Amino acid sequence: MSDQIKLVINHNDGKATVGVQAPDCDPFFKTLEGDFLTVLQNAGAIVEEARQQWAQNPRYPKAVLPTPPPPPPVIEGQKVSKPAKTGPQQSLF
């Protein structure tokens, strides 16, 4: 694992979201409460926590998604009905 990291802090109204990212690893997020100085004082511990997680699992598991159902068959000669008009469309511009 590379020593290169990216640290992003979003602080607003006494709450902070801290994001840590490294090459070939999924981002790690942590939320904290306190002033900006408190957040900065905890930055080293947050980076260390991220590195410990990446040592065990650098990437989140891939999601297993269900296969979408096939589209209904099209029957030749079947008429497709158009939606009924509800009235003139209002012009916005």
C-alpha atoms as a PDB file:
ATOM      1  CA  MET A   1       0.000   0.000   0.000  1.00  0.00           C
ATOM      2  CA  SER A   2       1.234   3.473  -0.871  1.00  0.00           C
ATOM      3  CA  ASP A   3       1.970   6.117   1.775  1.00  0.00           C
ATOM      4  CA  GLN A   4       0.132   8.687  -0.360  1.00  0.00           C
ATOM      5  CA  ILE A   5      -3.155   9.797   1.203  1.00  0.00           C
ATOM      6  CA  LYS A   6      -5.758  12.473   0.613  1.00  0.00           C
ATOM      7  CA  LEU A   7      -7.518  14.033   3.600  1.00  0.00           C
ATOM      8  CA  VAL A   8     -10.716  16.077   3.138  1.00  0.00           C
ATOM      9  CA  ILE A   9     -12.428  17.891   6.026  1.00  0.00           C
ATOM     10  CA  ASN A  10     -15.893  19.404   5.758  1.00  0.00           C
ATOM     11  CA  HIS A  11     -16.665  21.396   8.925  1.00  0.00           C
ATOM     12  CA  ASN A  12     -19.989  23.131   9.571  1.00  0.00           C
ATOM     13  CA  ASP A  13     -21.781  24.182  12.780  1.00  0.00           C
ATOM     14  CA  GLY A  14     -19.538  22.187  15.117  1.00  0.00           C
ATOM     15  CA  LYS A  15     -19.753  18.964  13.098  1.00  0.00           C
ATOM     16  CA  ALA A  16     -17.181  17.585  10.695  1.00  0.00           C
ATOM     17  CA  THR A  17     -17.014  14.863   8.106  1.00  0.00           C
ATOM     18  CA  VAL A  18     -13.483  13.647   7.483  1.00  0.00           C
ATOM     19  CA  GLY A  19     -12.654  11.626   4.390  1.00  0.00           C
ATOM     20  CA  VAL A  20      -9.404   9.753   3.836  1.00  0.00           C
ATOM     21  CA  GLN A  21      -8.415   8.175   0.546  1.00  0.00           C
ATOM     22  CA  ALA A  22      -5.389   6.268  -0.707  1.00  0.00           C
ATOM     23  CA  PRO A  23      -4.572   4.829  -4.131  1.00  0.00           C
ATOM     24  CA  ASP A  24      -6.230   1.442  -4.777  1.00  0.00           C
ATOM     25  CA  CYS A  25      -8.393   1.762  -1.641  1.00  0.00           C
ATOM     26  CA  ASP A  26     -11.994   2.746  -1.098  1.00  0.00           C
ATOM     27  CA  PRO A  27     -12.491   6.017   0.799  1.00  0.00           C
ATOM     28  CA  PHE A  28     -12.833   5.992   4.575  1.00  0.00           C
ATOM     29  CA  PHE A  29     -15.248   8.427   6.267  1.00  0.00           C
ATOM     30  CA  LYS A  30     -15.587   9.522   9.878  1.00  0.00           C
ATOM     31  CA  THR A  31     -17.850  12.098  11.517  1.00  0.00           C
ATOM     32  CA  LEU A  32     -16.818  14.166  14.532  1.00  0.00           C
ATOM     33  CA  GLU A  33     -18.277  16.891  16.687  1.00  0.00           C
ATOM     34  CA  GLY A  34     -16.273  19.855  17.902  1.00  0.00           C
ATOM     35  CA  ASP A  35     -14.446  22.887  16.622  1.00  0.00           C
ATOM     36  CA  PHE A  36     -12.022  22.779  13.719  1.00  0.00           C
ATOM     37  CA  LEU A  37      -8.965  22.547  15.998  1.00  0.00           C
ATOM     38  CA  THR A  38     -10.419  19.436  17.666  1.00  0.00           C
ATOM     39  CA  VAL A  39     -10.931  17.864  14.254  1.00  0.00           C
ATOM     40  CA  LEU A  40      -7.348  18.628  13.235  1.00  0.00           C
ATOM     41  CA  GLN A  41      -6.040  17.147  16.485  1.00  0.00           C
ATOM     42  CA  ASN A  42      -7.872  13.892  15.677  1.00  0.00           C
ATOM     43  CA  ALA A  43      -6.777  13.776  12.022  1.00  0.00           C
ATOM     44  CA  GLY A  44      -3.775  11.525  12.695  1.00  0.00           C
ATOM     45  CA  ALA A  45      -5.896   8.980  14.568  1.00  0.00           C
ATOM     46  CA  ILE A  46      -8.481   8.982  11.755  1.00  0.00           C
ATOM     47  CA  VAL A  47      -5.782   8.350   9.135  1.00  0.00           C
ATOM     48  CA  GLU A  48      -4.423   5.482  11.261  1.00  0.00           C
ATOM     49  CA  GLU A  49      -7.924   4.003  11.590  1.00  0.00           C
ATOM     50  CA  ALA A  50      -8.329   4.187   7.811  1.00  0.00           C
ATOM     51  CA  ARG A  51      -4.975   2.428   7.271  1.00  0.00           C
ATOM     52  CA  GLN A  52      -5.965  -0.353   9.663  1.00  0.00           C
ATOM     53  CA  GLN A  53      -9.221  -0.881   7.772  1.00  0.00           C
ATOM     54  CA  TRP A  54      -7.417  -0.874   4.423  1.00  0.00           C
ATOM     55  CA  ALA A  55      -4.918  -3.456   5.715  1.00  0.00           C
ATOM     56  CA  GLN A  56      -7.851  -5.836   6.281  1.00  0.00           C
ATOM     57  CA  ASN A  57     -10.126  -4.789   3.388  1.00  0.00           C
ATOM     58  CA  PRO A  58      -8.821  -2.190   0.937  1.00  0.00           C
ATOM     59  CA  ARG A  59     -11.983  -2.476  -1.182  1.00  0.00           C
ATOM     60  CA  TYR A  60     -15.609  -2.912  -0.221  1.00  0.00           C
ATOM     61  CA  PRO A  61     -17.172  -6.132  -1.526  1.00  0.00           C
ATOM     62  CA  LYS A  62     -18.842  -5.837  -4.894  1.00  0.00           C
ATOM     63  CA  ALA A  63     -22.608  -5.613  -4.729  1.00  0.00           C
ATOM     64  CA  VAL A  64     -24.525  -8.642  -5.949  1.00  0.00           C
ATOM     65  CA  LEU A  65     -27.420  -7.170  -7.901  1.00  0.00           C
ATOM     66  CA  PRO A  66     -30.396  -9.138  -9.177  1.00  0.00           C
ATOM     67  CA  THR A  67     -30.654  -9.677 -12.897  1.00  0.00           C
ATOM     68  CA  PRO A  68     -33.307  -7.363 -14.362  1.00  0.00           C
ATOM     69  CA  PRO A  69     -36.292  -9.144 -15.899  1.00  0.00           C
ATOM     70  CA  PRO A  70     -36.322  -9.437 -19.678  1.00  0.00           C
ATOM     71  CA  PRO A  71     -38.524  -6.982 -21.583  1.00  0.00           C
ATOM     72  CA  PRO A  72     -41.950  -8.277 -22.614  1.00  0.00           C
ATOM     73  CA  PRO A  73     -42.030  -9.840 -26.057  1.00  0.00           C
ATOM     74  CA  VAL A  74     -43.176  -7.700 -28.955  1.00  0.00           C
ATOM     75  CA  ILE A  75     -45.929  -9.293 -31.003  1.00  0.00           C
ATOM     76  CA  GLU A  76     -45.984  -8.334 -34.683  1.00  0.00           C
ATOM     77  CA  GLY A  77     -49.091  -6.419 -35.688  1.00  0.00           C
ATOM     78  CA  GLN A  78     -49.993  -5.498 -32.111  1.00  0.00           C
ATOM     79  CA  LYS A  79     -51.083  -1.897 -31.810  1.00  0.00           C
ATOM     80  CA  VAL A  80     -49.420   0.187 -29.154  1.00  0.00           C
ATOM     81  CA  SER A  81     -51.759   2.681 -27.567  1.00  0.00           C
ATOM     82  CA  LYS A  82     -50.550   6.202 -26.990  1.00  0.00           C
ATOM     83  CA  PRO A  83     -51.212   7.921 -23.668  1.00  0.00           C
ATOM     84  CA  ALA A  84     -54.331  10.068 -23.722  1.00  0.00           C
ATOM     85  CA  LYS A  85     -53.725  13.790 -23.970  1.00  0.00           C
ATOM     86  CA  THR A  86     -54.866  15.757 -20.971  1.00  0.00           C
ATOM     87  CA  GLY A  87     -54.981  19.112 -22.683  1.00  0.00           C
ATOM     88  CA  PRO A  88     -52.607  21.653 -24.150  1.00  0.00           C
ATOM     89  CA  GLN A  89     -49.164  21.713 -22.586  1.00  0.00           C
ATOM     90  CA  GLN A  90     -48.315  24.905 -20.786  1.00  0.00           C
ATOM     91  CA  SER A  91     -45.309  26.743 -22.179  1.00  0.00           C
ATOM     92  CA  LEU A  92     -42.664  27.563 -19.584  1.00  0.00           C
ATOM     93  CA  PHE A  93     -40.696  29.925 -21.791  1.00  0.00           C
END
